Amino acid sequence: MAERPLRADARRNRERVLEAAARAFAEQGYAVPLDEIAAAAGVGPGTVYRHFPTKEALFEAVSAANVEELAADARARAESADLEVAFAGFLDLLAERALAKRDLPDALEGVGTAALAAAVADMHDALRLLLTKAQEAGAVRSDVSVSDLVALLKGLLHAVRSDPDPEVPKRILAVIRDGLRPK
């Protein structure tokens, strides 16, 4: 049975909830209470639950697109003629996104539903492609696995999220880059 289209007011409320959730998750990460999102959207908690039956479903609606964008970016960079620049650019992009969106570490952990976990798995595949091509080009040391890289990136993302010093991401990213260079 096909779903009925939303009434105009319900569609507006859903969009307001998504916008408020995107801001709240970006500012506070996954831990933000749903009641706070509802208040920021100017709707009641029941409205949020009508559109998104769980917090995980709302987080997925906001975060899956962000993870999918990163995966697409990694794949596009893997086709670059200068893989050293492409790889470094991806690391920069990830650090920038982590500063702007505090929910990115939670999203990359696969917090939420199966669809978000699938987006994260796709992101790992795209990262594996970029890493392999960068290694083949001699831009990244050959003994680093995608699991190693993901662990380093998660550490970077958590440091960015938890430290108010705006220079921390630059310093940590510099250390990661130095450690990834071929010996």
N, C-alpha and C. Protein backbone atom coordinates (compact mmCIF):
# COMPACT_ATOMS: atom_id res chain seq x y z
N MET A 1 0.84 -1.18 0.00
CA MET A 1 0.00 0.00 0.00
C MET A 1 0.89 1.25 0.00
N ALA A 2 0.63 2.17 -0.88
CA ALA A 2 1.43 3.39 -1.00
C ALA A 2 1.12 4.34 0.16
N GLU A 3 2.18 5.03 0.61
CA GLU A 3 1.99 6.02 1.67
C GLU A 3 1.33 7.26 1.11
N ARG A 4 0.45 7.82 1.90
CA ARG A 4 -0.18 9.08 1.50
C ARG A 4 0.83 10.20 1.61
N PRO A 5 0.79 11.16 0.70
CA PRO A 5 1.68 12.32 0.84
C PRO A 5 1.30 13.11 2.09
N LEU A 6 2.30 13.75 2.68
CA LEU A 6 2.05 14.54 3.88
C LEU A 6 1.25 15.80 3.54
N ARG A 7 0.39 16.20 4.46
CA ARG A 7 -0.29 17.48 4.32
C ARG A 7 0.77 18.58 4.35
N ALA A 8 0.45 19.73 3.87
CA ALA A 8 1.42 20.83 3.80
C ALA A 8 1.95 21.20 5.18
N ASP A 9 1.07 21.26 6.20
CA ASP A 9 1.54 21.63 7.54
C ASP A 9 2.42 20.53 8.13
N ALA A 10 2.10 19.27 7.87
CA ALA A 10 2.92 18.17 8.37
C ALA A 10 4.28 18.17 7.66
N ARG A 11 4.29 18.47 6.38
CA ARG A 11 5.55 18.54 5.63
C ARG A 11 6.43 19.67 6.17
N ARG A 12 5.81 20.82 6.46
CA ARG A 12 6.57 21.94 7.04
C ARG A 12 7.13 21.57 8.41
N ASN A 13 6.32 20.92 9.23
CA ASN A 13 6.79 20.50 10.56
C ASN A 13 7.95 19.52 10.44
N ARG A 14 7.86 18.58 9.50
CA ARG A 14 8.93 17.61 9.31
C ARG A 14 10.22 18.32 8.92
N GLU A 15 10.12 19.28 8.02
CA GLU A 15 11.31 20.04 7.59
C GLU A 15 11.88 20.86 8.75
N ARG A 16 11.01 21.44 9.57
CA ARG A 16 11.49 22.20 10.73
C ARG A 16 12.21 21.29 11.71
N VAL A 17 11.68 20.09 11.91
CA VAL A 17 12.32 19.13 12.81
C VAL A 17 13.69 18.74 12.25
N LEU A 18 13.76 18.45 10.95
CA LEU A 18 15.04 18.08 10.34
C LEU A 18 16.07 19.20 10.45
N GLU A 19 15.64 20.43 10.20
CA GLU A 19 16.57 21.57 10.30
C GLU A 19 17.05 21.76 11.73
N ALA A 20 16.13 21.68 12.68
CA ALA A 20 16.50 21.84 14.10
C ALA A 20 17.42 20.69 14.54
N ALA A 21 17.11 19.49 14.08
CA ALA A 21 17.94 18.33 14.44
C ALA A 21 19.33 18.46 13.84
N ALA A 22 19.42 18.89 12.60
CA ALA A 22 20.73 19.07 11.97
C ALA A 22 21.57 20.06 12.77
N ARG A 23 20.97 21.17 13.18
CA ARG A 23 21.71 22.16 13.98
C ARG A 23 22.09 21.58 15.34
N ALA A 24 21.14 20.94 16.00
CA ALA A 24 21.39 20.42 17.35
C ALA A 24 22.44 19.31 17.33
N PHE A 25 22.32 18.37 16.40
CA PHE A 25 23.31 17.29 16.32
C PHE A 25 24.68 17.85 15.96
N ALA A 26 24.73 18.83 15.06
CA ALA A 26 26.01 19.43 14.67
C ALA A 26 26.66 20.14 15.86
N GLU A 27 25.86 20.77 16.69
CA GLU A 27 26.40 21.50 17.83
C GLU A 27 26.75 20.59 19.01
N GLN A 28 25.94 19.55 19.25
CA GLN A 28 26.09 18.76 20.47
C GLN A 28 26.39 17.28 20.24
N GLY A 29 26.28 16.81 19.02
CA GLY A 29 26.45 15.38 18.77
C GLY A 29 25.17 14.63 19.06
N TYR A 30 25.28 13.32 19.08
CA TYR A 30 24.12 12.44 19.22
C TYR A 30 23.42 12.60 20.56
N ALA A 31 24.11 13.09 21.58
CA ALA A 31 23.57 13.13 22.94
C ALA A 31 22.44 14.15 23.14
N VAL A 32 22.19 15.02 22.19
CA VAL A 32 21.17 16.04 22.36
C VAL A 32 19.80 15.38 22.60
N PRO A 33 19.05 15.85 23.59
CA PRO A 33 17.73 15.27 23.87
C PRO A 33 16.71 15.62 22.77
N LEU A 34 15.81 14.70 22.48
CA LEU A 34 14.78 14.95 21.48
C LEU A 34 13.86 16.09 21.87
N ASP A 35 13.59 16.26 23.15
CA ASP A 35 12.74 17.36 23.60
C ASP A 35 13.36 18.71 23.22
N GLU A 36 14.68 18.77 23.29
CA GLU A 36 15.38 20.01 22.93
C GLU A 36 15.24 20.27 21.43
N ILE A 37 15.31 19.22 20.62
CA ILE A 37 15.13 19.37 19.18
C ILE A 37 13.71 19.83 18.88
N ALA A 38 12.73 19.22 19.54
CA ALA A 38 11.33 19.61 19.34
C ALA A 38 11.13 21.08 19.67
N ALA A 39 11.68 21.52 20.81
CA ALA A 39 11.53 22.92 21.21
C ALA A 39 12.18 23.85 20.19
N ALA A 40 13.36 23.49 19.70
CA ALA A 40 14.05 24.32 18.71
C ALA A 40 13.27 24.38 17.41
N ALA A 41 12.53 23.32 17.09
CA ALA A 41 11.73 23.30 15.86
C ALA A 41 10.39 24.00 16.05
N GLY A 42 10.05 24.30 17.30
CA GLY A 42 8.77 24.94 17.57
C GLY A 42 7.60 23.98 17.49
N VAL A 43 7.87 22.69 17.78
CA VAL A 43 6.81 21.68 17.76
C VAL A 43 6.88 20.89 19.06
N GLY A 44 5.87 20.11 19.29
CA GLY A 44 5.88 19.24 20.48
C GLY A 44 6.62 17.95 20.22
N PRO A 45 7.01 17.25 21.29
CA PRO A 45 7.71 15.97 21.13
C PRO A 45 6.90 14.96 20.31
N GLY A 46 5.58 14.99 20.43
CA GLY A 46 4.74 14.07 19.67
C GLY A 46 4.90 14.25 18.16
N THR A 47 5.08 15.48 17.74
CA THR A 47 5.29 15.76 16.31
C THR A 47 6.59 15.13 15.83
N VAL A 48 7.63 15.24 16.66
CA VAL A 48 8.91 14.64 16.30
C VAL A 48 8.72 13.12 16.16
N TYR A 49 8.05 12.51 17.13
CA TYR A 49 7.87 11.05 17.12
C TYR A 49 6.95 10.58 15.99
N ARG A 50 6.02 11.43 15.56
CA ARG A 50 5.17 11.04 14.42
C ARG A 50 6.00 10.89 13.14
N HIS A 51 6.99 11.74 12.99
CA HIS A 51 7.82 11.71 11.77
C HIS A 51 9.02 10.77 11.92
N PHE A 52 9.54 10.67 13.13
CA PHE A 52 10.74 9.87 13.40
C PHE A 52 10.48 9.07 14.67
N PRO A 53 10.14 7.79 14.54
CA PRO A 53 9.72 7.02 15.71
C PRO A 53 10.79 6.82 16.77
N THR A 54 12.06 7.00 16.39
CA THR A 54 13.14 6.86 17.37
C THR A 54 14.17 7.96 17.13
N LYS A 55 14.96 8.20 18.14
CA LYS A 55 16.06 9.16 18.00
C LYS A 55 17.03 8.69 16.92
N GLU A 56 17.24 7.38 16.84
CA GLU A 56 18.14 6.82 15.84
C GLU A 56 17.66 7.13 14.42
N ALA A 57 16.34 7.05 14.22
CA ALA A 57 15.78 7.34 12.89
C ALA A 57 15.99 8.81 12.52
N LEU A 58 15.84 9.70 13.48
CA LEU A 58 16.07 11.12 13.22
C LEU A 58 17.55 11.37 12.96
N PHE A 59 18.41 10.77 13.75
CA PHE A 59 19.85 10.94 13.55
C PHE A 59 20.26 10.42 12.17
N GLU A 60 19.70 9.28 11.79
CA GLU A 60 20.00 8.73 10.47
C GLU A 60 19.57 9.70 9.37
N ALA A 61 18.37 10.25 9.48
CA ALA A 61 17.86 11.16 8.46
C ALA A 61 18.78 12.36 8.27
N VAL A 62 19.37 12.81 9.35
CA VAL A 62 20.27 13.97 9.30
C VAL A 62 21.68 13.57 8.88
N SER A 63 22.17 12.44 9.37
CA SER A 63 23.59 12.11 9.25
C SER A 63 23.97 11.25 8.05
N ALA A 64 23.09 10.42 7.58
CA ALA A 64 23.45 9.52 6.47
C ALA A 64 23.91 10.30 5.25
N ALA A 65 23.24 11.40 4.96
CA ALA A 65 23.64 12.20 3.79
C ALA A 65 25.05 12.76 3.96
N ASN A 66 25.40 13.15 5.17
CA ASN A 66 26.76 13.68 5.42
C ASN A 66 27.81 12.60 5.17
N VAL A 67 27.56 11.40 5.63
CA VAL A 67 28.51 10.30 5.46
C VAL A 67 28.59 9.92 3.98
N GLU A 68 27.44 9.90 3.30
CA GLU A 68 27.42 9.58 1.87
C GLU A 68 28.21 10.61 1.06
N GLU A 69 28.10 11.88 1.45
CA GLU A 69 28.89 12.93 0.78
C GLU A 69 30.39 12.68 0.94
N LEU A 70 30.80 12.30 2.12
CA LEU A 70 32.22 12.02 2.36
C LEU A 70 32.69 10.83 1.52
N ALA A 71 31.86 9.80 1.44
CA ALA A 71 32.23 8.63 0.63
C ALA A 71 32.37 9.02 -0.84
N ALA A 72 31.45 9.81 -1.33
CA ALA A 72 31.52 10.26 -2.73
C ALA A 72 32.77 11.11 -2.96
N ASP A 73 33.10 11.94 -1.99
CA ASP A 73 34.29 12.78 -2.11
C ASP A 73 35.55 11.92 -2.15
N ALA A 74 35.62 10.91 -1.29
CA ALA A 74 36.80 10.03 -1.26
C ALA A 74 36.94 9.29 -2.59
N ARG A 75 35.82 8.83 -3.14
CA ARG A 75 35.87 8.14 -4.44
C ARG A 75 36.34 9.08 -5.55
N ALA A 76 35.83 10.28 -5.55
CA ALA A 76 36.24 11.25 -6.58
C ALA A 76 37.73 11.56 -6.46
N ARG A 77 38.20 11.72 -5.24
CA ARG A 77 39.63 12.03 -5.04
C ARG A 77 40.51 10.85 -5.45
N ALA A 78 39.99 9.64 -5.36
CA ALA A 78 40.77 8.45 -5.74
C ALA A 78 41.08 8.45 -7.24
N GLU A 79 40.34 9.23 -8.00
CA GLU A 79 40.57 9.31 -9.45
C GLU A 79 41.48 10.48 -9.83
N SER A 80 41.99 11.18 -8.85
CA SER A 80 42.85 12.34 -9.09
C SER A 80 44.20 11.94 -9.67
N ALA A 81 44.78 12.84 -10.44
CA ALA A 81 46.12 12.59 -10.99
C ALA A 81 47.18 12.75 -9.91
N ASP A 82 46.92 13.61 -8.92
CA ASP A 82 47.88 13.83 -7.82
C ASP A 82 47.28 13.27 -6.54
N LEU A 83 47.57 12.01 -6.27
CA LEU A 83 46.96 11.34 -5.13
C LEU A 83 47.48 11.83 -3.79
N GLU A 84 48.67 12.37 -3.75
CA GLU A 84 49.17 12.93 -2.49
C GLU A 84 48.31 14.13 -2.09
N VAL A 85 48.05 15.00 -3.04
CA VAL A 85 47.21 16.18 -2.79
C VAL A 85 45.77 15.74 -2.51
N ALA A 86 45.30 14.77 -3.27
CA ALA A 86 43.93 14.30 -3.08
C ALA A 86 43.73 13.70 -1.69
N PHE A 87 44.67 12.88 -1.26
CA PHE A 87 44.57 12.24 0.05
C PHE A 87 44.63 13.29 1.16
N ALA A 88 45.57 14.21 1.05
CA ALA A 88 45.69 15.28 2.05
C ALA A 88 44.43 16.14 2.06
N GLY A 89 43.87 16.39 0.89
CA GLY A 89 42.65 17.18 0.81
C GLY A 89 41.48 16.51 1.49
N PHE A 90 41.42 15.19 1.39
CA PHE A 90 40.35 14.46 2.06
C PHE A 90 40.50 14.57 3.58
N LEU A 91 41.73 14.44 4.06
CA LEU A 91 41.96 14.60 5.51
C LEU A 91 41.56 16.00 5.97
N ASP A 92 41.90 17.01 5.18
CA ASP A 92 41.51 18.39 5.51
C ASP A 92 39.99 18.53 5.57
N LEU A 93 39.32 17.97 4.56
CA LEU A 93 37.87 18.05 4.50
C LEU A 93 37.24 17.40 5.73
N LEU A 94 37.75 16.24 6.09
CA LEU A 94 37.22 15.54 7.25
C LEU A 94 37.39 16.36 8.53
N ALA A 95 38.56 16.97 8.69
CA ALA A 95 38.80 17.82 9.88
C ALA A 95 37.87 19.04 9.87
N GLU A 96 37.69 19.66 8.70
CA GLU A 96 36.78 20.81 8.61
C GLU A 96 35.35 20.42 8.97
N ARG A 97 34.91 19.30 8.43
CA ARG A 97 33.55 18.83 8.72
C ARG A 97 33.38 18.51 10.19
N ALA A 98 34.41 17.92 10.80
CA ALA A 98 34.32 17.58 12.22
C ALA A 98 34.20 18.83 13.07
N LEU A 99 34.87 19.90 12.67
CA LEU A 99 34.75 21.16 13.41
C LEU A 99 33.35 21.74 13.27
N ALA A 100 32.79 21.64 12.09
CA ALA A 100 31.47 22.23 11.83
C ALA A 100 30.34 21.35 12.32
N LYS A 101 30.56 20.04 12.34
CA LYS A 101 29.48 19.11 12.68
C LYS A 101 29.96 18.15 13.76
N ARG A 102 29.59 18.44 14.99
CA ARG A 102 30.06 17.64 16.11
C ARG A 102 29.42 16.25 16.14
N ASP A 103 28.45 16.01 15.28
CA ASP A 103 27.83 14.69 15.21
C ASP A 103 28.58 13.75 14.26
N LEU A 104 29.56 14.26 13.54
CA LEU A 104 30.26 13.42 12.57
C LEU A 104 30.93 12.20 13.22
N PRO A 105 31.62 12.36 14.37
CA PRO A 105 32.18 11.15 14.99
C PRO A 105 31.11 10.10 15.31
N ASP A 106 29.96 10.55 15.81
CA ASP A 106 28.87 9.62 16.12
C ASP A 106 28.37 8.95 14.84
N ALA A 107 28.24 9.72 13.78
CA ALA A 107 27.78 9.16 12.50
C ALA A 107 28.76 8.13 11.98
N LEU A 108 30.05 8.43 12.06
CA LEU A 108 31.05 7.50 11.56
C LEU A 108 31.21 6.27 12.44
N GLU A 109 30.69 6.34 13.66
CA GLU A 109 30.66 5.16 14.52
C GLU A 109 29.49 4.26 14.14
N GLY A 110 28.60 4.77 13.27
CA GLY A 110 27.44 3.99 12.86
C GLY A 110 26.31 4.04 13.86
N VAL A 111 26.30 5.08 14.70
CA VAL A 111 25.22 5.24 15.67
C VAL A 111 23.91 5.40 14.91
N GLY A 112 22.91 4.66 15.30
CA GLY A 112 21.62 4.78 14.63
C GLY A 112 21.20 3.48 13.99
N THR A 113 20.52 3.60 12.88
CA THR A 113 19.91 2.45 12.24
C THR A 113 20.83 1.77 11.24
N ALA A 114 20.33 0.72 10.66
CA ALA A 114 21.10 -0.07 9.69
C ALA A 114 21.48 0.77 8.47
N ALA A 115 20.63 1.70 8.07
CA ALA A 115 20.95 2.51 6.89
C ALA A 115 22.18 3.38 7.14
N LEU A 116 22.32 3.90 8.34
CA LEU A 116 23.51 4.70 8.65
C LEU A 116 24.73 3.79 8.70
N ALA A 117 24.58 2.60 9.26
CA ALA A 117 25.69 1.64 9.28
C ALA A 117 26.11 1.29 7.86
N ALA A 118 25.15 1.18 6.95
CA ALA A 118 25.46 0.89 5.54
C ALA A 118 26.22 2.06 4.91
N ALA A 119 25.83 3.29 5.24
CA ALA A 119 26.54 4.46 4.71
C ALA A 119 27.97 4.50 5.24
N VAL A 120 28.15 4.13 6.49
CA VAL A 120 29.49 4.08 7.08
C VAL A 120 30.33 2.99 6.41
N ALA A 121 29.74 1.84 6.16
CA ALA A 121 30.47 0.77 5.47
C ALA A 121 30.88 1.23 4.07
N ASP A 122 30.00 1.94 3.39
CA ASP A 122 30.33 2.48 2.07
C ASP A 122 31.46 3.50 2.18
N MET A 123 31.43 4.30 3.24
CA MET A 123 32.49 5.28 3.48
C MET A 123 33.83 4.56 3.66
N HIS A 124 33.84 3.47 4.40
CA HIS A 124 35.07 2.70 4.60
C HIS A 124 35.58 2.13 3.28
N ASP A 125 34.66 1.66 2.44
CA ASP A 125 35.05 1.15 1.12
C ASP A 125 35.68 2.26 0.28
N ALA A 126 35.07 3.44 0.30
CA ALA A 126 35.60 4.57 -0.47
C ALA A 126 36.96 4.99 0.08
N LEU A 127 37.09 4.98 1.39
CA LEU A 127 38.36 5.34 2.01
C LEU A 127 39.43 4.30 1.68
N ARG A 128 39.04 3.04 1.64
CA ARG A 128 39.98 1.96 1.26
C ARG A 128 40.49 2.20 -0.17
N LEU A 129 39.60 2.58 -1.07
CA LEU A 129 39.98 2.86 -2.46
C LEU A 129 40.97 4.02 -2.52
N LEU A 130 40.65 5.11 -1.84
CA LEU A 130 41.54 6.28 -1.83
C LEU A 130 42.88 5.93 -1.20
N LEU A 131 42.87 5.23 -0.09
CA LEU A 131 44.11 4.84 0.59
C LEU A 131 44.96 3.94 -0.30
N THR A 132 44.36 2.95 -0.90
CA THR A 132 45.10 2.01 -1.76
C THR A 132 45.75 2.75 -2.93
N LYS A 133 44.99 3.62 -3.56
CA LYS A 133 45.56 4.36 -4.70
C LYS A 133 46.66 5.31 -4.24
N ALA A 134 46.49 5.93 -3.08
CA ALA A 134 47.53 6.82 -2.56
C ALA A 134 48.78 6.01 -2.20
N GLN A 135 48.60 4.82 -1.68
CA GLN A 135 49.75 3.95 -1.37
C GLN A 135 50.45 3.52 -2.65
N GLU A 136 49.69 3.14 -3.66
CA GLU A 136 50.28 2.73 -4.95
C GLU A 136 51.06 3.87 -5.60
N ALA A 137 50.62 5.10 -5.35
CA ALA A 137 51.30 6.27 -5.91
C ALA A 137 52.50 6.69 -5.06
N GLY A 138 52.70 6.01 -3.92
CA GLY A 138 53.81 6.35 -3.04
C GLY A 138 53.56 7.54 -2.14
N ALA A 139 52.30 7.95 -2.01
CA ALA A 139 51.96 9.11 -1.19
C ALA A 139 51.69 8.76 0.27
N VAL A 140 51.40 7.49 0.53
CA VAL A 140 51.08 7.04 1.89
C VAL A 140 51.84 5.73 2.13
N ARG A 141 52.34 5.58 3.33
CA ARG A 141 53.11 4.36 3.65
C ARG A 141 52.26 3.11 3.40
N SER A 142 52.91 2.08 2.98
CA SER A 142 52.22 0.88 2.52
C SER A 142 51.75 -0.04 3.65
N ASP A 143 52.24 0.16 4.86
CA ASP A 143 51.87 -0.74 5.96
C ASP A 143 50.65 -0.26 6.74
N VAL A 144 49.95 0.75 6.24
CA VAL A 144 48.77 1.27 6.90
C VAL A 144 47.53 0.65 6.26
N SER A 145 46.66 0.09 7.09
CA SER A 145 45.42 -0.49 6.58
C SER A 145 44.30 0.54 6.72
N VAL A 146 43.18 0.26 6.08
CA VAL A 146 42.05 1.16 6.21
C VAL A 146 41.56 1.17 7.66
N SER A 147 41.68 0.05 8.37
CA SER A 147 41.29 0.02 9.79
C SER A 147 42.18 0.95 10.62
N ASP A 148 43.49 0.95 10.30
CA ASP A 148 44.41 1.87 10.98
C ASP A 148 44.00 3.31 10.72
N LEU A 149 43.72 3.59 9.46
CA LEU A 149 43.36 4.96 9.08
C LEU A 149 42.06 5.39 9.74
N VAL A 150 41.08 4.52 9.76
CA VAL A 150 39.80 4.84 10.40
C VAL A 150 40.02 5.12 11.89
N ALA A 151 40.85 4.32 12.55
CA ALA A 151 41.14 4.55 13.98
C ALA A 151 41.79 5.91 14.18
N LEU A 152 42.74 6.27 13.32
CA LEU A 152 43.38 7.58 13.42
C LEU A 152 42.37 8.70 13.20
N LEU A 153 41.51 8.53 12.22
CA LEU A 153 40.52 9.57 11.91
C LEU A 153 39.50 9.72 13.03
N LYS A 154 39.10 8.60 13.63
CA LYS A 154 38.17 8.68 14.76
C LYS A 154 38.82 9.43 15.92
N GLY A 155 40.09 9.17 16.15
CA GLY A 155 40.80 9.91 17.20
C GLY A 155 40.83 11.40 16.91
N LEU A 156 41.10 11.74 15.65
CA LEU A 156 41.09 13.14 15.24
C LEU A 156 39.71 13.76 15.47
N LEU A 157 38.68 13.06 15.03
CA LEU A 157 37.32 13.59 15.17
C LEU A 157 36.92 13.77 16.62
N HIS A 158 37.28 12.83 17.48
CA HIS A 158 36.94 12.97 18.90
C HIS A 158 37.74 14.08 19.55
N ALA A 159 39.00 14.25 19.16
CA ALA A 159 39.81 15.33 19.71
C ALA A 159 39.24 16.68 19.30
N VAL A 160 38.82 16.79 18.06
CA VAL A 160 38.24 18.03 17.55
C VAL A 160 36.97 18.35 18.32
N ARG A 161 36.18 17.32 18.58
CA ARG A 161 34.91 17.54 19.26
C ARG A 161 35.08 17.91 20.71
N SER A 162 36.10 17.37 21.38
CA SER A 162 36.19 17.55 22.83
C SER A 162 37.13 18.65 23.28
N ASP A 163 37.93 19.21 22.37
CA ASP A 163 38.90 20.23 22.78
C ASP A 163 38.50 21.59 22.21
N PRO A 164 38.35 22.60 23.07
CA PRO A 164 37.94 23.91 22.58
C PRO A 164 39.05 24.68 21.85
N ASP A 165 40.28 24.23 21.96
CA ASP A 165 41.41 24.91 21.31
C ASP A 165 41.31 24.73 19.79
N PRO A 166 41.14 25.81 19.02
CA PRO A 166 40.99 25.67 17.57
C PRO A 166 42.26 25.20 16.86
N GLU A 167 43.38 25.21 17.55
CA GLU A 167 44.63 24.76 16.93
C GLU A 167 44.83 23.24 17.05
N VAL A 168 44.08 22.60 17.92
CA VAL A 168 44.23 21.16 18.12
C VAL A 168 44.04 20.37 16.82
N PRO A 169 42.99 20.64 16.05
CA PRO A 169 42.82 19.85 14.82
C PRO A 169 44.01 19.99 13.87
N LYS A 170 44.55 21.18 13.74
CA LYS A 170 45.70 21.39 12.85
C LYS A 170 46.91 20.59 13.32
N ARG A 171 47.16 20.63 14.63
CA ARG A 171 48.32 19.91 15.16
C ARG A 171 48.15 18.40 15.02
N ILE A 172 46.98 17.90 15.36
CA ILE A 172 46.75 16.46 15.27
C ILE A 172 46.79 16.01 13.81
N LEU A 173 46.20 16.79 12.94
CA LEU A 173 46.22 16.46 11.52
C LEU A 173 47.65 16.44 10.99
N ALA A 174 48.48 17.37 11.44
CA ALA A 174 49.89 17.39 11.02
C ALA A 174 50.61 16.13 11.49
N VAL A 175 50.33 15.69 12.70
CA VAL A 175 50.95 14.47 13.23
C VAL A 175 50.48 13.25 12.43
N ILE A 176 49.19 13.20 12.13
CA ILE A 176 48.66 12.09 11.33
C ILE A 176 49.30 12.08 9.95
N ARG A 177 49.38 13.25 9.32
CA ARG A 177 50.01 13.32 8.00
C ARG A 177 51.46 12.85 8.04
N ASP A 178 52.20 13.33 9.04
CA ASP A 178 53.61 12.91 9.17
C ASP A 178 53.72 11.40 9.36
N GLY A 179 52.84 10.84 10.16
CA GLY A 179 52.87 9.41 10.40
C GLY A 179 52.47 8.56 9.21
N LEU A 180 51.70 9.14 8.31
CA LEU A 180 51.25 8.40 7.13
C LEU A 180 52.21 8.48 5.95
N ARG A 181 53.17 9.40 6.04
CA ARG A 181 54.13 9.53 4.94
C ARG A 181 54.98 8.28 4.83
N PRO A 182 55.35 7.92 3.60
CA PRO A 182 56.24 6.75 3.45
C PRO A 182 57.54 6.97 4.20
N LYS A 183 58.10 5.86 4.71
CA LYS A 183 59.35 5.95 5.48
C LYS A 183 60.51 6.27 4.55
